[in-house]
């Protein structure tokens, strides 16, 4: 995954995954980037520099998109992996 400056085309950062990915990418207003990989790893990255902040092994391949939602003022992020749905509070 690469973050590219839209006005200049300059690559700001790059995050190399160990396996290929068909997962979607979600960026939040608070500067987090979420994505997953076929090996089941679900990542949270810092949108400013691409550094990994957090990683969770789901045990199943991640192919779809990541979603975020709000319940009673608390933000959550969810991703489907394998035959399961994983939800995390932010």
PDB file of N, CA and C in Angstrom:
ATOM      1  N   UNK A   1       0.851  -1.153   0.000  1.00  0.00           N
ATOM      2  CA  UNK A   1       0.000   0.000   0.000  1.00  0.00           C
ATOM      3  C   UNK A   1       0.907   1.229   0.000  1.00  0.00           C
ATOM      4  N   UNK A   2       0.518   2.235  -0.786  1.00  0.00           N
ATOM      5  CA  UNK A   2       1.272   3.480  -0.843  1.00  0.00           C
ATOM      6  C   UNK A   2       0.342   4.659  -0.598  1.00  0.00           C
ATOM      7  N   UNK A   3       0.844   5.645   0.123  1.00  0.00           N
ATOM      8  CA  UNK A   3       0.147   6.921   0.274  1.00  0.00           C
ATOM      9  C   UNK A   3       0.826   7.904  -0.663  1.00  0.00           C
ATOM     10  N   UNK A   4       0.028   8.480  -1.547  1.00  0.00           N
ATOM     11  CA  UNK A   4       0.571   9.382  -2.559  1.00  0.00           C
ATOM     12  C   UNK A   4      -0.034  10.769  -2.378  1.00  0.00           C
ATOM     13  N   UNK A   5       0.825  11.782  -2.352  1.00  0.00           N
ATOM     14  CA  UNK A   5       0.376  13.169  -2.266  1.00  0.00           C
ATOM     15  C   UNK A   5      -0.373  13.508  -3.553  1.00  0.00           C
ATOM     16  N   UNK A   6      -1.645  13.842  -3.424  1.00  0.00           N
ATOM     17  CA  UNK A   6      -2.500  14.031  -4.599  1.00  0.00           C
ATOM     18  C   UNK A   6      -2.047  15.181  -5.498  1.00  0.00           C
ATOM     19  N   UNK A   7      -1.524  16.247  -4.932  1.00  0.00           N
ATOM     20  CA  UNK A   7      -1.161  17.411  -5.739  1.00  0.00           C
ATOM     21  C   UNK A   7       0.183  17.274  -6.448  1.00  0.00           C
ATOM     22  N   UNK A   8       1.078  16.430  -5.910  1.00  0.00           N
ATOM     23  CA  UNK A   8       2.421  16.314  -6.501  1.00  0.00           C
ATOM     24  C   UNK A   8       2.723  14.935  -7.071  1.00  0.00           C
ATOM     25  N   UNK A   9       1.973  13.921  -6.645  1.00  0.00           N
ATOM     26  CA  UNK A   9       2.259  12.551  -7.077  1.00  0.00           C
ATOM     27  C   UNK A   9       3.405  11.915  -6.316  1.00  0.00           C
ATOM     28  N   UNK A  10       3.919  12.600  -5.312  1.00  0.00           N
ATOM     29  CA  UNK A  10       5.022  12.093  -4.503  1.00  0.00           C
ATOM     30  C   UNK A  10       4.533  11.013  -3.542  1.00  0.00           C
ATOM     31  N   UNK A  11       5.267   9.915  -3.455  1.00  0.00           N
ATOM     32  CA  UNK A  11       4.938   8.858  -2.501  1.00  0.00           C
ATOM     33  C   UNK A  11       5.342   9.332  -1.107  1.00  0.00           C
ATOM     34  N   UNK A  12       4.359   9.436  -0.204  1.00  0.00           N
ATOM     35  CA  UNK A  12       4.627   9.886   1.167  1.00  0.00           C
ATOM     36  C   UNK A  12       5.129   8.742   2.042  1.00  0.00           C
ATOM     37  N   UNK A  13       4.535   7.557   1.876  1.00  0.00           N
ATOM     38  CA  UNK A  13       4.975   6.371   2.611  1.00  0.00           C
ATOM     39  C   UNK A  13       4.470   5.133   1.913  1.00  0.00           C
ATOM     40  N   UNK A  14       5.068   4.002   2.319  1.00  0.00           N
ATOM     41  CA  UNK A  14       4.679   2.714   1.763  1.00  0.00           C
ATOM     42  C   UNK A  14       4.641   1.686   2.886  1.00  0.00           C
ATOM     43  N   UNK A  15       3.615   0.845   2.873  1.00  0.00           N
ATOM     44  CA  UNK A  15       3.481  -0.241   3.843  1.00  0.00           C
ATOM     45  C   UNK A  15       3.480  -1.546   3.064  1.00  0.00           C
ATOM     46  N   UNK A  16       4.475  -2.371   3.316  1.00  0.00           N
ATOM     47  CA  UNK A  16       4.593  -3.647   2.601  1.00  0.00           C
ATOM     48  C   UNK A  16       4.016  -4.763   3.460  1.00  0.00           C
ATOM     49  N   UNK A  17       3.049  -5.470   2.885  1.00  0.00           N
ATOM     50  CA  UNK A  17       2.447  -6.607   3.566  1.00  0.00           C
ATOM     51  C   UNK A  17       3.202  -7.873   3.179  1.00  0.00           C
ATOM     52  N   UNK A  18       3.156  -8.867   4.059  1.00  0.00           N
ATOM     53  CA  UNK A  18       3.853 -10.123   3.782  1.00  0.00           C
ATOM     54  C   UNK A  18       3.129 -10.965   2.753  1.00  0.00           C
ATOM     55  N   UNK A  19       1.819 -10.802   2.638  1.00  0.00           N
ATOM     56  CA  UNK A  19       1.044 -11.525   1.628  1.00  0.00           C
ATOM     57  C   UNK A  19       0.254 -10.506   0.814  1.00  0.00           C
ATOM     58  N   UNK A  20      -0.255 -10.947  -0.312  1.00  0.00           N
ATOM     59  CA  UNK A  20      -1.041 -10.043  -1.152  1.00  0.00           C
ATOM     60  C   UNK A  20      -2.368  -9.733  -0.466  1.00  0.00           C
ATOM     61  N   UNK A  21      -3.042  -8.723  -0.999  1.00  0.00           N
ATOM     62  CA  UNK A  21      -4.281  -8.304  -0.370  1.00  0.00           C
ATOM     63  C   UNK A  21      -5.322  -7.940  -1.406  1.00  0.00           C
ATOM     64  N   UNK A  22      -6.542  -8.355  -1.137  1.00  0.00           N
ATOM     65  CA  UNK A  22      -7.696  -7.917  -1.903  1.00  0.00           C
ATOM     66  C   UNK A  22      -8.640  -7.110  -1.016  1.00  0.00           C
ATOM     67  N   UNK A  23      -8.177  -6.793   0.187  1.00  0.00           N
ATOM     68  CA  UNK A  23      -9.002  -6.092   1.155  1.00  0.00           C
ATOM     69  C   UNK A  23      -9.126  -4.615   0.798  1.00  0.00           C
ATOM     70  N   UNK A  24     -10.230  -4.048   1.231  1.00  0.00           N
ATOM     71  CA  UNK A  24     -10.407  -2.616   1.075  1.00  0.00           C
ATOM     72  C   UNK A  24      -9.578  -1.859   2.098  1.00  0.00           C
ATOM     73  N   UNK A  25      -9.524  -0.563   1.922  1.00  0.00           N
ATOM     74  CA  UNK A  25      -8.780   0.310   2.831  1.00  0.00           C
ATOM     75  C   UNK A  25      -9.737   1.370   3.348  1.00  0.00           C
ATOM     76  N   UNK A  26      -9.677   1.635   4.652  1.00  0.00           N
ATOM     77  CA  UNK A  26     -10.513   2.658   5.275  1.00  0.00           C
ATOM     78  C   UNK A  26      -9.606   3.639   5.997  1.00  0.00           C
ATOM     79  N   UNK A  27      -9.846   4.924   5.776  1.00  0.00           N
ATOM     80  CA  UNK A  27      -9.120   5.966   6.493  1.00  0.00           C
ATOM     81  C   UNK A  27     -10.126   6.760   7.313  1.00  0.00           C
ATOM     82  N   UNK A  28      -9.794   7.028   8.570  1.00  0.00           N
ATOM     83  CA  UNK A  28     -10.697   7.772   9.443  1.00  0.00           C
ATOM     84  C   UNK A  28     -10.266   9.236   9.534  1.00  0.00           C
ATOM     85  N   UNK A  29     -11.179  10.076   9.997  1.00  0.00           N
ATOM     86  CA  UNK A  29     -10.887  11.499  10.190  1.00  0.00           C
ATOM     87  C   UNK A  29      -9.844  11.712  11.277  1.00  0.00           C
ATOM     88  N   UNK A  30      -9.648  10.715  12.133  1.00  0.00           N
ATOM     89  CA  UNK A  30      -8.665  10.840  13.216  1.00  0.00           C
ATOM     90  C   UNK A  30      -7.273  10.376  12.806  1.00  0.00           C
ATOM     91  N   UNK A  31      -7.078  10.052  11.517  1.00  0.00           N
ATOM     92  CA  UNK A  31      -5.747   9.727  11.024  1.00  0.00           C
ATOM     93  C   UNK A  31      -5.352   8.271  11.125  1.00  0.00           C
ATOM     94  N   UNK A  32      -6.333   7.371  11.122  1.00  0.00           N
ATOM     95  CA  UNK A  32      -6.035   5.943  11.133  1.00  0.00           C
ATOM     96  C   UNK A  32      -6.350   5.349   9.772  1.00  0.00           C
ATOM     97  N   UNK A  33      -5.551   4.365   9.352  1.00  0.00           N
ATOM     98  CA  UNK A  33      -5.785   3.623   8.119  1.00  0.00           C
ATOM     99  C   UNK A  33      -5.939   2.158   8.506  1.00  0.00           C
ATOM    100  N   UNK A  34      -7.026   1.537   8.053  1.00  0.00           N
ATOM    101  CA  UNK A  34      -7.269   0.127   8.338  1.00  0.00           C
ATOM    102  C   UNK A  34      -7.269  -0.665   7.048  1.00  0.00           C
ATOM    103  N   UNK A  35      -6.650  -1.843   7.069  1.00  0.00           N
ATOM    104  CA  UNK A  35      -6.681  -2.763   5.942  1.00  0.00           C
ATOM    105  C   UNK A  35      -6.363  -4.159   6.455  1.00  0.00           C
ATOM    106  N   UNK A  36      -6.521  -5.137   5.591  1.00  0.00           N
ATOM    107  CA  UNK A  36      -6.241  -6.520   5.964  1.00  0.00           C
ATOM    108  C   UNK A  36      -5.568  -7.259   4.831  1.00  0.00           C
ATOM    109  N   UNK A  37      -5.200  -8.501   5.087  1.00  0.00           N
ATOM    110  CA  UNK A  37      -4.467  -9.287   4.101  1.00  0.00           C
ATOM    111  C   UNK A  37      -5.014 -10.713   4.033  1.00  0.00           C
ATOM    112  N   UNK A  38      -4.592 -11.433   3.005  1.00  0.00           N
ATOM    113  CA  UNK A  38      -5.038 -12.815   2.829  1.00  0.00           C
ATOM    114  C   UNK A  38      -4.556 -13.723   3.951  1.00  0.00           C
ATOM    115  N   UNK A  39      -3.476 -13.362   4.625  1.00  0.00           N
ATOM    116  CA  UNK A  39      -2.989 -14.194   5.727  1.00  0.00           C
ATOM    117  C   UNK A  39      -3.789 -13.989   7.016  1.00  0.00           C
ATOM    118  N   UNK A  40      -4.809 -13.120   6.969  1.00  0.00           N
ATOM    119  CA  UNK A  40      -5.674 -12.906   8.123  1.00  0.00           C
ATOM    120  C   UNK A  40      -5.271 -11.767   9.018  1.00  0.00           C
ATOM    121  N   UNK A  41      -4.167 -11.094   8.733  1.00  0.00           N
ATOM    122  CA  UNK A  41      -3.750  -9.959   9.561  1.00  0.00           C
ATOM    123  C   UNK A  41      -4.587  -8.730   9.233  1.00  0.00           C
ATOM    124  N   UNK A  42      -5.063  -8.071  10.280  1.00  0.00           N
ATOM    125  CA  UNK A  42      -5.832  -6.839  10.179  1.00  0.00           C
ATOM    126  C   UNK A  42      -4.985  -5.749  10.808  1.00  0.00           C
ATOM    127  N   UNK A  43      -4.744  -4.670  10.064  1.00  0.00           N
ATOM    128  CA  UNK A  43      -3.799  -3.645  10.485  1.00  0.00           C
ATOM    129  C   UNK A  43      -4.464  -2.301  10.726  1.00  0.00           C
ATOM    130  N   UNK A  44      -3.915  -1.556  11.679  1.00  0.00           N
ATOM    131  CA  UNK A  44      -4.194  -0.129  11.847  1.00  0.00           C
ATOM    132  C   UNK A  44      -2.858   0.582  11.650  1.00  0.00           C
ATOM    133  N   UNK A  45      -2.846   1.550  10.752  1.00  0.00           N
ATOM    134  CA  UNK A  45      -1.639   2.311  10.462  1.00  0.00           C
ATOM    135  C   UNK A  45      -1.869   3.786  10.774  1.00  0.00           C
ATOM    136  N   UNK A  46      -0.786   4.508  11.017  1.00  0.00           N
ATOM    137  CA  UNK A  46      -0.843   5.954  11.183  1.00  0.00           C
ATOM    138  C   UNK A  46      -0.902   6.566   9.778  1.00  0.00           C
ATOM    139  N   UNK A  47      -1.938   7.348   9.482  1.00  0.00           N
ATOM    140  CA  UNK A  47      -2.111   7.915   8.146  1.00  0.00           C
ATOM    141  C   UNK A  47      -1.016   8.912   7.790  1.00  0.00           C
ATOM    142  N   UNK A  48      -0.335   9.471   8.785  1.00  0.00           N
ATOM    143  CA  UNK A  48       0.709  10.463   8.499  1.00  0.00           C
ATOM    144  C   UNK A  48       1.989   9.849   7.964  1.00  0.00           C
ATOM    145  N   UNK A  49       2.355   8.662   8.501  1.00  0.00           N
ATOM    146  CA  UNK A  49       3.650   8.090   8.115  1.00  0.00           C
ATOM    147  C   UNK A  49       3.595   6.606   7.736  1.00  0.00           C
ATOM    148  N   UNK A  50       2.417   5.987   7.841  1.00  0.00           N
ATOM    149  CA  UNK A  50       2.268   4.587   7.462  1.00  0.00           C
ATOM    150  C   UNK A  50       2.803   3.585   8.459  1.00  0.00           C
ATOM    151  N   UNK A  51       3.213   4.050   9.616  1.00  0.00           N
ATOM    152  CA  UNK A  51       3.755   3.131  10.623  1.00  0.00           C
ATOM    153  C   UNK A  51       2.622   2.317  11.246  1.00  0.00           C
ATOM    154  N   UNK A  52       2.849   0.999  11.402  1.00  0.00           N
ATOM    155  CA  UNK A  52       1.830   0.153  12.031  1.00  0.00           C
ATOM    156  C   UNK A  52       1.616   0.556  13.489  1.00  0.00           C
ATOM    157  N   UNK A  53       0.359   0.670  13.867  1.00  0.00           N
ATOM    158  CA  UNK A  53      -0.006   0.992  15.245  1.00  0.00           C
ATOM    159  C   UNK A  53      -0.541  -0.225  15.976  1.00  0.00           C
ATOM    160  N   UNK A  54      -1.094  -1.154  15.191  1.00  0.00           N
ATOM    161  CA  UNK A  54      -1.791  -2.285  15.796  1.00  0.00           C
ATOM    162  C   UNK A  54      -2.005  -3.350  14.737  1.00  0.00           C
ATOM    163  N   UNK A  55      -2.015  -4.603  15.172  1.00  0.00           N
ATOM    164  CA  UNK A  55      -2.203  -5.729  14.265  1.00  0.00           C
ATOM    165  C   UNK A  55      -2.989  -6.810  15.009  1.00  0.00           C
ATOM    166  N   UNK A  56      -3.930  -7.444  14.311  1.00  0.00           N
ATOM    167  CA  UNK A  56      -4.708  -8.530  14.902  1.00  0.00           C
ATOM    168  C   UNK A  56      -4.820  -9.658  13.891  1.00  0.00           C
ATOM    169  N   UNK A  57      -4.512 -10.870  14.303  1.00  0.00           N
ATOM    170  CA  UNK A  57      -4.622 -12.050  13.440  1.00  0.00           C
ATOM    171  C   UNK A  57      -6.039 -12.594  13.582  1.00  0.00           C
ATOM    172  N   UNK A  58      -6.816 -12.522  12.495  1.00  0.00           N
ATOM    173  CA  UNK A  58      -8.217 -12.946  12.529  1.00  0.00           C
ATOM    174  C   UNK A  58      -8.391 -14.445  12.329  1.00  0.00           C
ATOM    175  N   UNK A  59      -7.390 -15.098  11.735  1.00  0.00           N
ATOM    176  CA  UNK A  59      -7.502 -16.526  11.475  1.00  0.00           C
ATOM    177  C   UNK A  59      -8.181 -16.861  10.168  1.00  0.00           C
ATOM    178  N   UNK A  60      -8.581 -15.855   9.413  1.00  0.00           N
ATOM    179  CA  UNK A  60      -9.229 -16.082   8.115  1.00  0.00           C
ATOM    180  C   UNK A  60      -8.854 -14.993   7.131  1.00  0.00           C
ATOM    181  N   UNK A  61      -8.952 -15.305   5.852  1.00  0.00           N
ATOM    182  CA  UNK A  61      -8.596 -14.336   4.814  1.00  0.00           C
ATOM    183  C   UNK A  61      -9.526 -13.129   4.838  1.00  0.00           C
ATOM    184  N   UNK A  62      -8.939 -11.963   4.596  1.00  0.00           N
ATOM    185  CA  UNK A  62      -9.701 -10.717   4.534  1.00  0.00           C
ATOM    186  C   UNK A  62      -9.752 -10.279   3.077  1.00  0.00           C
ATOM    187  N   UNK A  63     -10.954 -10.229   2.523  1.00  0.00           N
ATOM    188  CA  UNK A  63     -11.106  -9.857   1.116  1.00  0.00           C
ATOM    189  C   UNK A  63     -11.967  -8.610   0.932  1.00  0.00           C
ATOM    190  N   UNK A  64     -12.821  -8.315   1.868  1.00  0.00           N
ATOM    191  CA  UNK A  64     -13.780  -7.223   1.692  1.00  0.00           C
ATOM    192  C   UNK A  64     -13.304  -5.911   2.279  1.00  0.00           C
ATOM    193  N   UNK A  65     -14.233  -4.997   2.340  1.00  0.00           N
ATOM    194  CA  UNK A  65     -13.944  -3.677   2.876  1.00  0.00           C
ATOM    195  C   UNK A  65     -14.082  -3.617   4.389  1.00  0.00           C
ATOM    196  N   UNK A  66     -13.465  -2.622   4.938  1.00  0.00           N
ATOM    197  CA  UNK A  66     -13.538  -2.329   6.364  1.00  0.00           C
ATOM    198  C   UNK A  66     -14.607  -1.264   6.546  1.00  0.00           C
ATOM    199  N   UNK A  67     -15.405  -1.361   7.607  1.00  0.00           N
ATOM    200  CA  UNK A  67     -16.434  -0.354   7.870  1.00  0.00           C
ATOM    201  C   UNK A  67     -16.249   0.220   9.270  1.00  0.00           C
ATOM    202  N   UNK A  68     -16.727   1.420   9.447  1.00  0.00           N
ATOM    203  CA  UNK A  68     -16.731   2.036  10.769  1.00  0.00           C
ATOM    204  C   UNK A  68     -18.133   2.548  11.051  1.00  0.00           C
ATOM    205  N   UNK A  69     -18.506   2.557  12.327  1.00  0.00           N
ATOM    206  CA  UNK A  69     -19.832   3.029  12.710  1.00  0.00           C
ATOM    207  C   UNK A  69     -19.778   3.557  14.135  1.00  0.00           C
ATOM    208  N   UNK A  70     -20.803   4.304  14.510  1.00  0.00           N
ATOM    209  CA  UNK A  70     -20.874   4.963  15.807  1.00  0.00           C
ATOM    210  C   UNK A  70     -22.096   4.463  16.570  1.00  0.00           C
ATOM    211  N   UNK A  71     -21.902   4.083  17.838  1.00  0.00           N
ATOM    212  CA  UNK A  71     -22.993   3.672  18.711  1.00  0.00           C
ATOM    213  C   UNK A  71     -22.839   4.426  20.024  1.00  0.00           C
ATOM    214  N   UNK A  72     -23.849   5.239  20.352  1.00  0.00           N
ATOM    215  CA  UNK A  72     -23.854   6.009  21.596  1.00  0.00           C
ATOM    216  C   UNK A  72     -22.542   6.761  21.814  1.00  0.00           C
ATOM    217  N   UNK A  73     -22.048   7.390  20.761  1.00  0.00           N
ATOM    218  CA  UNK A  73     -20.848   8.211  20.863  1.00  0.00           C
ATOM    219  C   UNK A  73     -19.539   7.454  20.808  1.00  0.00           C
ATOM    220  N   UNK A  74     -19.563   6.143  20.667  1.00  0.00           N
ATOM    221  CA  UNK A  74     -18.353   5.321  20.607  1.00  0.00           C
ATOM    222  C   UNK A  74     -18.168   4.813  19.184  1.00  0.00           C
ATOM    223  N   UNK A  75     -16.949   4.994  18.631  1.00  0.00           N
ATOM    224  CA  UNK A  75     -16.667   4.548  17.266  1.00  0.00           C
ATOM    225  C   UNK A  75     -16.132   3.124  17.270  1.00  0.00           C
ATOM    226  N   UNK A  76     -16.583   2.352  16.285  1.00  0.00           N
ATOM    227  CA  UNK A  76     -16.165   0.972  16.112  1.00  0.00           C
ATOM    228  C   UNK A  76     -15.686   0.775  14.675  1.00  0.00           C
ATOM    229  N   UNK A  77     -14.832  -0.227  14.486  1.00  0.00           N
ATOM    230  CA  UNK A  77     -14.402  -0.630  13.154  1.00  0.00           C
ATOM    231  C   UNK A  77     -14.660  -2.128  13.046  1.00  0.00           C
ATOM    232  N   UNK A  78     -15.151  -2.569  11.876  1.00  0.00           N
ATOM    233  CA  UNK A  78     -15.491  -3.977  11.690  1.00  0.00           C
ATOM    234  C   UNK A  78     -14.937  -4.474  10.357  1.00  0.00           C
ATOM    235  N   UNK A  79     -14.570  -5.761  10.350  1.00  0.00           N
ATOM    236  CA  UNK A  79     -14.057  -6.388   9.137  1.00  0.00           C
ATOM    237  C   UNK A  79     -14.480  -7.855   9.130  1.00  0.00           C
ATOM    238  N   UNK A  80     -14.856  -8.343   7.954  1.00  0.00           N
ATOM    239  CA  UNK A  80     -15.170  -9.753   7.797  1.00  0.00           C
ATOM    240  C   UNK A  80     -13.899 -10.490   7.402  1.00  0.00           C
ATOM    241  N   UNK A  81     -13.679 -11.632   8.044  1.00  0.00           N
ATOM    242  CA  UNK A  81     -12.493 -12.451   7.749  1.00  0.00           C
ATOM    243  C   UNK A  81     -12.891 -13.913   7.864  1.00  0.00           C
ATOM    244  N   UNK A  82     -12.561 -14.694   6.822  1.00  0.00           N
ATOM    245  CA  UNK A  82     -12.968 -16.092   6.838  1.00  0.00           C
ATOM    246  C   UNK A  82     -14.483 -16.165   6.915  1.00  0.00           C
ATOM    247  N   UNK A  83     -15.011 -16.841   7.936  1.00  0.00           N
ATOM    248  CA  UNK A  83     -16.448 -16.918   8.135  1.00  0.00           C
ATOM    249  C   UNK A  83     -16.903 -16.094   9.318  1.00  0.00           C
ATOM    250  N   UNK A  84     -16.058 -15.201   9.815  1.00  0.00           N
ATOM    251  CA  UNK A  84     -16.381 -14.412  10.987  1.00  0.00           C
ATOM    252  C   UNK A  84     -16.426 -12.913  10.719  1.00  0.00           C
ATOM    253  N   UNK A  85     -16.995 -12.191  11.663  1.00  0.00           N
ATOM    254  CA  UNK A  85     -17.026 -10.729  11.646  1.00  0.00           C
ATOM    255  C   UNK A  85     -16.345 -10.253  12.916  1.00  0.00           C
ATOM    256  N   UNK A  86     -15.352  -9.407  12.776  1.00  0.00           N
ATOM    257  CA  UNK A  86     -14.587  -8.906  13.911  1.00  0.00           C
ATOM    258  C   UNK A  86     -14.868  -7.412  14.070  1.00  0.00           C
ATOM    259  N   UNK A  87     -15.186  -7.010  15.298  1.00  0.00           N
ATOM    260  CA  UNK A  87     -15.499  -5.617  15.596  1.00  0.00           C
ATOM    261  C   UNK A  87     -14.611  -5.145  16.738  1.00  0.00           C
ATOM    262  N   UNK A  88     -14.065  -3.928  16.576  1.00  0.00           N
ATOM    263  CA  UNK A  88     -13.139  -3.366  17.558  1.00  0.00           C
ATOM    264  C   UNK A  88     -13.579  -1.957  17.904  1.00  0.00           C
ATOM    265  N   UNK A  89     -13.508  -1.603  19.191  1.00  0.00           N
ATOM    266  CA  UNK A  89     -13.808  -0.249  19.636  1.00  0.00           C
ATOM    267  C   UNK A  89     -12.562   0.615  19.457  1.00  0.00           C
ATOM    268  N   UNK A  90     -12.769   1.825  18.986  1.00  0.00           N
ATOM    269  CA  UNK A  90     -11.659   2.757  18.800  1.00  0.00           C
ATOM    270  C   UNK A  90     -11.546   3.692  19.978  1.00  0.00           C
TER     271      UNK A  90
END
